[in-house]
Amino acid sequence: MANMITRLPGWARVMTIALAVFGLLMLLAELQSPDLVLWTGRPIKATESGSIVTYTLNGVGYSFDGHDREASAPPETVVVYVDPHDPAAGVLNKPAARVLEASLVLGPFVLAVAVVLISPWRAAARAAAARRDQDRGVHGAGYRADTLRDIVRRRGGPGR
């Protein structure tokens, strides 16, 4: 792995490290978030009536304010994730929020791997194109070698 990183172009190393650090920061933030129970907790069926979510665990009733519906909304069955060690701190399942959190944690790592895999391939393709151009006698920004010599000679460079 270290050999693979050393073969990366400079921009790709910086980008890979930055993405990995950002991913680690997002992971640490998620591990300290109350929403962690969405990934580690136990799913419980609950009823949301208005904005009040009510659920029962081991015969004990719990409730909290869901904040996402109007008070006049009819009752609806929902899923609440509960930490068995703290059943009163249930978290309402919101699939869009879960997808967003997962992409914020996993996305930077996926992008870092993509940079590691794609940048050497692109660098090799650019080097091969440069060798093909050189074999055809094209140098620099598409100038032929004799044109470049003339430009350098006119500017008072080597070859005078």
N, C-alpha and C. Protein backbone atom coordinates (compact mmCIF):
# COMPACT_ATOMS: atom_id res chain seq x y z
N MET A 1 0.83 -1.19 0.00
CA MET A 1 0.00 0.00 0.00
C MET A 1 0.87 1.26 0.00
N ALA A 2 1.93 1.26 0.81
CA ALA A 2 2.82 2.43 0.87
C ALA A 2 3.46 2.65 -0.49
N ASN A 3 3.83 1.58 -1.20
CA ASN A 3 4.42 1.70 -2.52
C ASN A 3 3.42 2.34 -3.49
N MET A 4 2.15 1.99 -3.35
CA MET A 4 1.13 2.54 -4.23
C MET A 4 0.99 4.05 -3.99
N ILE A 5 1.04 4.47 -2.73
CA ILE A 5 0.91 5.89 -2.41
C ILE A 5 2.11 6.67 -2.93
N THR A 6 3.31 6.10 -2.84
CA THR A 6 4.49 6.82 -3.31
C THR A 6 4.50 6.98 -4.83
N ARG A 7 3.80 6.13 -5.55
CA ARG A 7 3.74 6.24 -7.00
C ARG A 7 2.71 7.25 -7.48
N LEU A 8 1.91 7.79 -6.57
CA LEU A 8 0.88 8.75 -6.96
C LEU A 8 1.49 10.10 -7.27
N PRO A 9 0.89 10.83 -8.20
CA PRO A 9 1.32 12.21 -8.42
C PRO A 9 1.05 13.04 -7.15
N GLY A 10 1.74 14.16 -7.01
CA GLY A 10 1.62 14.98 -5.81
C GLY A 10 0.20 15.41 -5.48
N TRP A 11 -0.56 15.87 -6.50
CA TRP A 11 -1.93 16.31 -6.25
C TRP A 11 -2.79 15.15 -5.74
N ALA A 12 -2.54 13.94 -6.24
CA ALA A 12 -3.34 12.78 -5.84
C ALA A 12 -3.03 12.39 -4.40
N ARG A 13 -1.77 12.52 -3.98
CA ARG A 13 -1.43 12.23 -2.58
C ARG A 13 -2.16 13.19 -1.65
N VAL A 14 -2.10 14.47 -1.99
CA VAL A 14 -2.76 15.48 -1.16
C VAL A 14 -4.26 15.22 -1.10
N MET A 15 -4.87 14.95 -2.26
CA MET A 15 -6.30 14.70 -2.32
C MET A 15 -6.68 13.44 -1.53
N THR A 16 -5.91 12.39 -1.64
CA THR A 16 -6.19 11.15 -0.93
C THR A 16 -6.11 11.36 0.58
N ILE A 17 -5.07 12.05 1.02
CA ILE A 17 -4.92 12.30 2.46
C ILE A 17 -6.04 13.20 2.97
N ALA A 18 -6.37 14.26 2.20
CA ALA A 18 -7.44 15.17 2.62
C ALA A 18 -8.78 14.44 2.71
N LEU A 19 -9.08 13.60 1.74
CA LEU A 19 -10.34 12.86 1.77
C LEU A 19 -10.37 11.87 2.93
N ALA A 20 -9.25 11.19 3.19
CA ALA A 20 -9.21 10.24 4.31
C ALA A 20 -9.38 10.96 5.64
N VAL A 21 -8.74 12.11 5.80
CA VAL A 21 -8.88 12.88 7.05
C VAL A 21 -10.31 13.35 7.21
N PHE A 22 -10.91 13.87 6.14
CA PHE A 22 -12.30 14.30 6.20
C PHE A 22 -13.22 13.14 6.55
N GLY A 23 -12.98 11.98 5.96
CA GLY A 23 -13.78 10.80 6.27
C GLY A 23 -13.64 10.39 7.73
N LEU A 24 -12.41 10.45 8.26
CA LEU A 24 -12.22 10.13 9.68
C LEU A 24 -12.93 11.12 10.59
N LEU A 25 -12.89 12.40 10.23
CA LEU A 25 -13.60 13.40 11.03
C LEU A 25 -15.11 13.16 10.99
N MET A 26 -15.64 12.80 9.83
CA MET A 26 -17.07 12.49 9.74
C MET A 26 -17.42 11.25 10.54
N LEU A 27 -16.53 10.25 10.52
CA LEU A 27 -16.76 9.04 11.31
C LEU A 27 -16.75 9.36 12.81
N LEU A 28 -15.80 10.17 13.26
CA LEU A 28 -15.76 10.56 14.67
C LEU A 28 -17.01 11.35 15.06
N ALA A 29 -17.45 12.23 14.18
CA ALA A 29 -18.67 13.00 14.46
C ALA A 29 -19.88 12.07 14.57
N GLU A 30 -19.96 11.09 13.69
CA GLU A 30 -21.08 10.15 13.73
C GLU A 30 -21.03 9.28 14.99
N LEU A 31 -19.83 8.89 15.40
CA LEU A 31 -19.71 8.07 16.61
C LEU A 31 -20.13 8.82 17.86
N GLN A 32 -20.05 10.15 17.85
CA GLN A 32 -20.46 10.95 19.01
C GLN A 32 -21.88 11.49 18.88
N SER A 33 -22.52 11.23 17.76
CA SER A 33 -23.85 11.75 17.49
C SER A 33 -24.92 10.90 18.18
N PRO A 34 -26.02 11.52 18.60
CA PRO A 34 -27.13 10.72 19.14
C PRO A 34 -27.75 9.83 18.07
N ASP A 35 -27.55 10.17 16.79
CA ASP A 35 -28.08 9.35 15.71
C ASP A 35 -27.33 8.04 15.52
N LEU A 36 -26.27 7.82 16.26
CA LEU A 36 -25.53 6.56 16.16
C LEU A 36 -26.45 5.38 16.45
N VAL A 37 -27.47 5.61 17.27
CA VAL A 37 -28.42 4.55 17.61
C VAL A 37 -29.15 4.04 16.36
N LEU A 38 -29.21 4.85 15.30
CA LEU A 38 -29.81 4.38 14.05
C LEU A 38 -29.02 3.22 13.45
N TRP A 39 -27.73 3.14 13.75
CA TRP A 39 -26.87 2.09 13.21
C TRP A 39 -26.64 0.97 14.22
N THR A 40 -26.73 1.29 15.50
CA THR A 40 -26.40 0.30 16.53
C THR A 40 -27.59 -0.13 17.36
N GLY A 41 -28.70 0.58 17.27
CA GLY A 41 -29.85 0.32 18.14
C GLY A 41 -30.76 -0.77 17.63
N ARG A 42 -31.78 -1.00 18.41
CA ARG A 42 -32.77 -2.03 18.11
C ARG A 42 -34.00 -1.36 17.52
N PRO A 43 -34.50 -1.81 16.36
CA PRO A 43 -35.70 -1.20 15.78
C PRO A 43 -36.96 -1.63 16.53
N ILE A 44 -37.81 -0.67 16.82
CA ILE A 44 -39.07 -0.92 17.53
C ILE A 44 -40.18 -0.24 16.73
N LYS A 45 -41.31 -0.93 16.59
CA LYS A 45 -42.47 -0.30 15.96
C LYS A 45 -43.07 0.69 16.94
N ALA A 46 -43.44 1.84 16.41
CA ALA A 46 -43.99 2.89 17.24
C ALA A 46 -45.16 3.54 16.50
N THR A 47 -45.88 4.39 17.21
CA THR A 47 -46.98 5.14 16.62
C THR A 47 -46.69 6.62 16.77
N GLU A 48 -46.80 7.33 15.66
CA GLU A 48 -46.63 8.77 15.69
C GLU A 48 -47.99 9.41 15.49
N SER A 49 -48.47 10.05 16.52
CA SER A 49 -49.76 10.72 16.48
C SER A 49 -49.50 12.21 16.60
N GLY A 50 -49.79 12.93 15.52
CA GLY A 50 -49.37 14.33 15.48
C GLY A 50 -47.86 14.33 15.40
N SER A 51 -47.21 14.97 16.35
CA SER A 51 -45.75 14.93 16.36
C SER A 51 -45.21 14.12 17.54
N ILE A 52 -46.11 13.47 18.29
CA ILE A 52 -45.70 12.67 19.45
C ILE A 52 -45.51 11.21 19.02
N VAL A 53 -44.33 10.69 19.26
CA VAL A 53 -44.00 9.29 18.94
C VAL A 53 -44.07 8.49 20.23
N THR A 54 -44.85 7.39 20.19
CA THR A 54 -45.04 6.55 21.37
C THR A 54 -44.63 5.12 21.03
N TYR A 55 -43.87 4.50 21.94
CA TYR A 55 -43.45 3.11 21.73
C TYR A 55 -43.35 2.41 23.08
N THR A 56 -43.34 1.08 23.02
CA THR A 56 -43.25 0.27 24.22
C THR A 56 -42.08 -0.68 24.09
N LEU A 57 -41.29 -0.79 25.16
CA LEU A 57 -40.16 -1.71 25.19
C LEU A 57 -40.18 -2.42 26.53
N ASN A 58 -40.24 -3.75 26.49
CA ASN A 58 -40.29 -4.58 27.71
C ASN A 58 -41.42 -4.16 28.64
N GLY A 59 -42.58 -3.82 28.06
CA GLY A 59 -43.75 -3.47 28.85
C GLY A 59 -43.77 -2.05 29.40
N VAL A 60 -42.75 -1.27 29.11
CA VAL A 60 -42.68 0.10 29.59
C VAL A 60 -42.91 1.03 28.41
N GLY A 61 -43.81 2.00 28.58
CA GLY A 61 -44.12 2.95 27.51
C GLY A 61 -43.19 4.15 27.53
N TYR A 62 -42.83 4.61 26.34
CA TYR A 62 -41.97 5.79 26.18
C TYR A 62 -42.56 6.67 25.09
N SER A 63 -42.25 7.94 25.15
CA SER A 63 -42.70 8.85 24.10
C SER A 63 -41.73 10.02 23.98
N PHE A 64 -41.73 10.63 22.81
CA PHE A 64 -40.93 11.84 22.57
C PHE A 64 -41.57 12.62 21.45
N ASP A 65 -41.16 13.86 21.30
CA ASP A 65 -41.68 14.73 20.26
C ASP A 65 -40.88 14.50 18.99
N GLY A 66 -41.56 14.06 17.92
CA GLY A 66 -40.89 13.75 16.66
C GLY A 66 -40.55 14.98 15.83
N HIS A 67 -41.20 16.11 16.07
CA HIS A 67 -40.92 17.39 15.41
C HIS A 67 -41.08 17.38 13.90
N ASP A 68 -41.63 16.35 13.29
CA ASP A 68 -41.67 16.37 11.83
C ASP A 68 -43.07 16.30 11.25
N ARG A 69 -44.10 16.34 12.11
CA ARG A 69 -45.47 16.31 11.61
C ARG A 69 -46.31 17.34 12.35
N GLU A 70 -47.38 17.72 11.73
CA GLU A 70 -48.29 18.66 12.37
C GLU A 70 -49.10 17.93 13.45
N ALA A 71 -49.52 18.67 14.45
CA ALA A 71 -50.26 18.08 15.57
C ALA A 71 -51.58 17.47 15.12
N SER A 72 -52.15 17.97 14.03
CA SER A 72 -53.45 17.45 13.57
C SER A 72 -53.32 16.24 12.65
N ALA A 73 -52.11 15.78 12.37
CA ALA A 73 -51.90 14.65 11.47
C ALA A 73 -52.43 13.36 12.09
N PRO A 74 -52.99 12.47 11.30
CA PRO A 74 -53.51 11.20 11.84
C PRO A 74 -52.39 10.29 12.30
N PRO A 75 -52.69 9.34 13.18
CA PRO A 75 -51.67 8.40 13.67
C PRO A 75 -51.05 7.59 12.52
N GLU A 76 -49.77 7.30 12.67
CA GLU A 76 -49.04 6.58 11.64
C GLU A 76 -48.04 5.65 12.33
N THR A 77 -47.87 4.44 11.77
CA THR A 77 -46.88 3.51 12.31
C THR A 77 -45.51 3.90 11.78
N VAL A 78 -44.56 4.00 12.68
CA VAL A 78 -43.19 4.39 12.33
C VAL A 78 -42.21 3.43 13.01
N VAL A 79 -40.94 3.58 12.70
CA VAL A 79 -39.90 2.77 13.34
C VAL A 79 -39.02 3.71 14.16
N VAL A 80 -38.76 3.28 15.39
CA VAL A 80 -37.89 4.02 16.30
C VAL A 80 -36.72 3.10 16.63
N TYR A 81 -35.51 3.65 16.62
CA TYR A 81 -34.34 2.87 17.02
C TYR A 81 -34.01 3.23 18.45
N VAL A 82 -33.82 2.18 19.27
CA VAL A 82 -33.64 2.35 20.70
C VAL A 82 -32.37 1.67 21.16
N ASP A 83 -31.63 2.36 22.01
CA ASP A 83 -30.47 1.77 22.67
C ASP A 83 -31.01 0.96 23.86
N PRO A 84 -30.76 -0.35 23.92
CA PRO A 84 -31.31 -1.15 25.02
C PRO A 84 -30.87 -0.67 26.40
N HIS A 85 -29.74 0.02 26.49
CA HIS A 85 -29.27 0.51 27.78
C HIS A 85 -29.91 1.84 28.15
N ASP A 86 -30.52 2.52 27.19
CA ASP A 86 -31.19 3.80 27.44
C ASP A 86 -32.45 3.86 26.56
N PRO A 87 -33.47 3.07 26.90
CA PRO A 87 -34.65 2.97 26.03
C PRO A 87 -35.45 4.27 25.90
N ALA A 88 -35.27 5.20 26.82
CA ALA A 88 -36.02 6.46 26.75
C ALA A 88 -35.49 7.37 25.65
N ALA A 89 -34.29 7.12 25.16
CA ALA A 89 -33.68 7.98 24.15
C ALA A 89 -33.84 7.37 22.76
N GLY A 90 -35.07 7.17 22.34
CA GLY A 90 -35.33 6.61 21.02
C GLY A 90 -35.12 7.66 19.93
N VAL A 91 -34.78 7.18 18.74
CA VAL A 91 -34.56 8.06 17.59
C VAL A 91 -35.44 7.58 16.45
N LEU A 92 -36.21 8.50 15.92
CA LEU A 92 -37.13 8.19 14.82
C LEU A 92 -36.33 7.87 13.56
N ASN A 93 -36.71 6.78 12.89
CA ASN A 93 -36.02 6.38 11.67
C ASN A 93 -36.40 7.33 10.54
N LYS A 94 -35.38 7.95 9.94
CA LYS A 94 -35.59 8.82 8.79
C LYS A 94 -34.63 8.35 7.71
N PRO A 95 -35.12 7.60 6.72
CA PRO A 95 -34.24 7.02 5.70
C PRO A 95 -33.36 8.04 4.97
N ALA A 96 -33.90 9.21 4.65
CA ALA A 96 -33.09 10.21 3.94
C ALA A 96 -31.91 10.67 4.80
N ALA A 97 -32.14 10.83 6.09
CA ALA A 97 -31.05 11.23 6.99
C ALA A 97 -30.01 10.13 7.10
N ARG A 98 -30.45 8.88 7.10
CA ARG A 98 -29.50 7.76 7.17
C ARG A 98 -28.63 7.71 5.93
N VAL A 99 -29.25 7.91 4.77
CA VAL A 99 -28.49 7.90 3.52
C VAL A 99 -27.48 9.05 3.51
N LEU A 100 -27.91 10.23 3.95
CA LEU A 100 -27.00 11.37 4.00
C LEU A 100 -25.83 11.11 4.95
N GLU A 101 -26.12 10.59 6.14
CA GLU A 101 -25.04 10.30 7.10
C GLU A 101 -24.09 9.24 6.57
N ALA A 102 -24.63 8.20 5.96
CA ALA A 102 -23.78 7.15 5.40
C ALA A 102 -22.89 7.70 4.28
N SER A 103 -23.46 8.56 3.44
CA SER A 103 -22.65 9.10 2.34
C SER A 103 -21.60 10.08 2.85
N LEU A 104 -21.88 10.81 3.94
CA LEU A 104 -20.88 11.71 4.51
C LEU A 104 -19.72 10.94 5.15
N VAL A 105 -20.01 9.75 5.67
CA VAL A 105 -18.95 8.95 6.30
C VAL A 105 -18.22 8.12 5.26
N LEU A 106 -18.96 7.44 4.40
CA LEU A 106 -18.33 6.52 3.44
C LEU A 106 -17.85 7.22 2.17
N GLY A 107 -18.51 8.29 1.77
CA GLY A 107 -18.18 8.98 0.53
C GLY A 107 -16.72 9.39 0.41
N PRO A 108 -16.15 10.07 1.42
CA PRO A 108 -14.74 10.46 1.30
C PRO A 108 -13.79 9.28 1.14
N PHE A 109 -14.08 8.17 1.81
CA PHE A 109 -13.21 6.99 1.68
C PHE A 109 -13.33 6.39 0.28
N VAL A 110 -14.54 6.34 -0.26
CA VAL A 110 -14.74 5.82 -1.62
C VAL A 110 -14.02 6.71 -2.63
N LEU A 111 -14.12 8.02 -2.46
CA LEU A 111 -13.43 8.94 -3.36
C LEU A 111 -11.91 8.81 -3.25
N ALA A 112 -11.40 8.63 -2.03
CA ALA A 112 -9.95 8.46 -1.84
C ALA A 112 -9.46 7.21 -2.56
N VAL A 113 -10.21 6.13 -2.46
CA VAL A 113 -9.84 4.89 -3.16
C VAL A 113 -9.89 5.12 -4.67
N ALA A 114 -10.89 5.85 -5.14
CA ALA A 114 -10.99 6.14 -6.57
C ALA A 114 -9.79 6.94 -7.05
N VAL A 115 -9.36 7.93 -6.27
CA VAL A 115 -8.18 8.73 -6.64
C VAL A 115 -6.94 7.84 -6.70
N VAL A 116 -6.79 6.96 -5.71
CA VAL A 116 -5.63 6.07 -5.68
C VAL A 116 -5.62 5.13 -6.89
N LEU A 117 -6.78 4.66 -7.29
CA LEU A 117 -6.85 3.72 -8.40
C LEU A 117 -6.76 4.40 -9.76
N ILE A 118 -7.36 5.59 -9.91
CA ILE A 118 -7.46 6.22 -11.21
C ILE A 118 -6.25 7.08 -11.56
N SER A 119 -5.66 7.78 -10.59
CA SER A 119 -4.59 8.72 -10.93
C SER A 119 -3.35 8.06 -11.54
N PRO A 120 -2.88 6.89 -11.10
CA PRO A 120 -1.74 6.28 -11.79
C PRO A 120 -2.09 5.86 -13.23
N TRP A 121 -3.32 5.42 -13.42
CA TRP A 121 -3.77 5.04 -14.75
C TRP A 121 -3.76 6.25 -15.67
N ARG A 122 -4.27 7.40 -15.18
CA ARG A 122 -4.29 8.63 -15.97
C ARG A 122 -2.86 9.12 -16.25
N ALA A 123 -2.00 9.05 -15.24
CA ALA A 123 -0.61 9.48 -15.42
C ALA A 123 0.08 8.62 -16.48
N ALA A 124 -0.17 7.32 -16.46
CA ALA A 124 0.42 6.42 -17.46
C ALA A 124 -0.11 6.74 -18.85
N ALA A 125 -1.40 7.06 -18.95
CA ALA A 125 -1.98 7.41 -20.25
C ALA A 125 -1.38 8.71 -20.78
N ARG A 126 -1.18 9.69 -19.90
CA ARG A 126 -0.55 10.95 -20.32
C ARG A 126 0.89 10.73 -20.76
N ALA A 127 1.62 9.90 -20.03
CA ALA A 127 3.01 9.61 -20.39
C ALA A 127 3.08 8.90 -21.74
N ALA A 128 2.16 7.95 -21.97
CA ALA A 128 2.15 7.24 -23.25
C ALA A 128 1.83 8.20 -24.40
N ALA A 129 0.90 9.13 -24.18
CA ALA A 129 0.57 10.12 -25.21
C ALA A 129 1.77 11.02 -25.49
N ALA A 130 2.49 11.40 -24.44
CA ALA A 130 3.69 12.24 -24.63
C ALA A 130 4.75 11.49 -25.42
N ARG A 131 4.93 10.18 -25.14
CA ARG A 131 5.92 9.39 -25.90
C ARG A 131 5.50 9.28 -27.37
N ARG A 132 4.22 9.08 -27.62
CA ARG A 132 3.74 9.01 -29.01
C ARG A 132 4.00 10.32 -29.73
N ASP A 133 3.72 11.44 -29.07
CA ASP A 133 3.96 12.75 -29.68
C ASP A 133 5.45 12.96 -29.95
N GLN A 134 6.28 12.54 -29.00
CA GLN A 134 7.72 12.70 -29.17
C GLN A 134 8.22 11.85 -30.34
N ASP A 135 7.67 10.64 -30.47
CA ASP A 135 8.06 9.78 -31.59
C ASP A 135 7.67 10.41 -32.93
N ARG A 136 6.60 11.16 -32.96
CA ARG A 136 6.16 11.83 -34.19
C ARG A 136 6.90 13.14 -34.41
N GLY A 137 7.75 13.55 -33.47
CA GLY A 137 8.50 14.79 -33.62
C GLY A 137 7.76 16.00 -33.09
N VAL A 138 6.71 15.80 -32.31
CA VAL A 138 5.93 16.90 -31.74
C VAL A 138 6.33 17.06 -30.28
N HIS A 139 6.66 18.30 -29.88
CA HIS A 139 7.10 18.56 -28.51
C HIS A 139 6.31 19.72 -27.94
N GLY A 140 6.34 19.87 -26.64
CA GLY A 140 5.70 21.01 -26.00
C GLY A 140 4.21 21.00 -26.24
N ALA A 141 3.68 22.14 -26.66
CA ALA A 141 2.24 22.28 -26.88
C ALA A 141 1.90 21.97 -28.33
N GLY A 142 2.43 20.90 -28.88
CA GLY A 142 2.11 20.51 -30.23
C GLY A 142 3.05 21.06 -31.28
N TYR A 143 4.11 21.77 -30.88
CA TYR A 143 5.08 22.31 -31.84
C TYR A 143 6.05 21.22 -32.27
N ARG A 144 6.47 21.30 -33.50
CA ARG A 144 7.49 20.37 -33.97
C ARG A 144 8.83 20.79 -33.37
N ALA A 145 9.78 19.86 -33.27
CA ALA A 145 11.08 20.13 -32.65
C ALA A 145 11.83 21.25 -33.35
N ASP A 146 11.80 21.29 -34.69
CA ASP A 146 12.52 22.34 -35.40
C ASP A 146 11.89 23.71 -35.16
N THR A 147 10.61 23.79 -34.97
CA THR A 147 9.93 25.06 -34.65
C THR A 147 10.38 25.55 -33.28
N LEU A 148 10.45 24.65 -32.31
CA LEU A 148 10.91 25.03 -30.98
C LEU A 148 12.34 25.53 -31.02
N ARG A 149 13.21 24.89 -31.81
CA ARG A 149 14.60 25.35 -31.92
C ARG A 149 14.66 26.76 -32.51
N ASP A 150 13.82 27.03 -33.51
CA ASP A 150 13.78 28.37 -34.11
C ASP A 150 13.33 29.42 -33.10
N ILE A 151 12.34 29.10 -32.32
CA ILE A 151 11.85 30.05 -31.31
C ILE A 151 12.93 30.33 -30.28
N VAL A 152 13.59 29.29 -29.81
CA VAL A 152 14.65 29.46 -28.81
C VAL A 152 15.79 30.27 -29.41
N ARG A 153 16.16 30.01 -30.66
CA ARG A 153 17.25 30.71 -31.32
C ARG A 153 16.91 32.20 -31.47
N ARG A 154 15.68 32.53 -31.87
CA ARG A 154 15.29 33.92 -32.03
C ARG A 154 15.28 34.70 -30.73
N ARG A 155 15.03 34.01 -29.62
CA ARG A 155 15.01 34.67 -28.32
C ARG A 155 16.41 34.76 -27.70
N GLY A 156 17.39 34.28 -28.40
CA GLY A 156 18.77 34.40 -27.91
C GLY A 156 19.14 33.28 -26.96
N GLY A 157 18.49 32.15 -27.07
CA GLY A 157 18.78 31.02 -26.18
C GLY A 157 19.90 30.18 -26.72
N PRO A 158 20.04 28.95 -26.25
CA PRO A 158 21.10 28.04 -26.67
C PRO A 158 21.02 27.74 -28.18
N GLY A 159 22.12 27.49 -28.76
CA GLY A 159 22.16 27.14 -30.17
C GLY A 159 22.48 28.32 -31.06
N ARG A 160 22.78 29.47 -30.50
CA ARG A 160 23.13 30.66 -31.30
C ARG A 160 24.53 30.68 -31.72
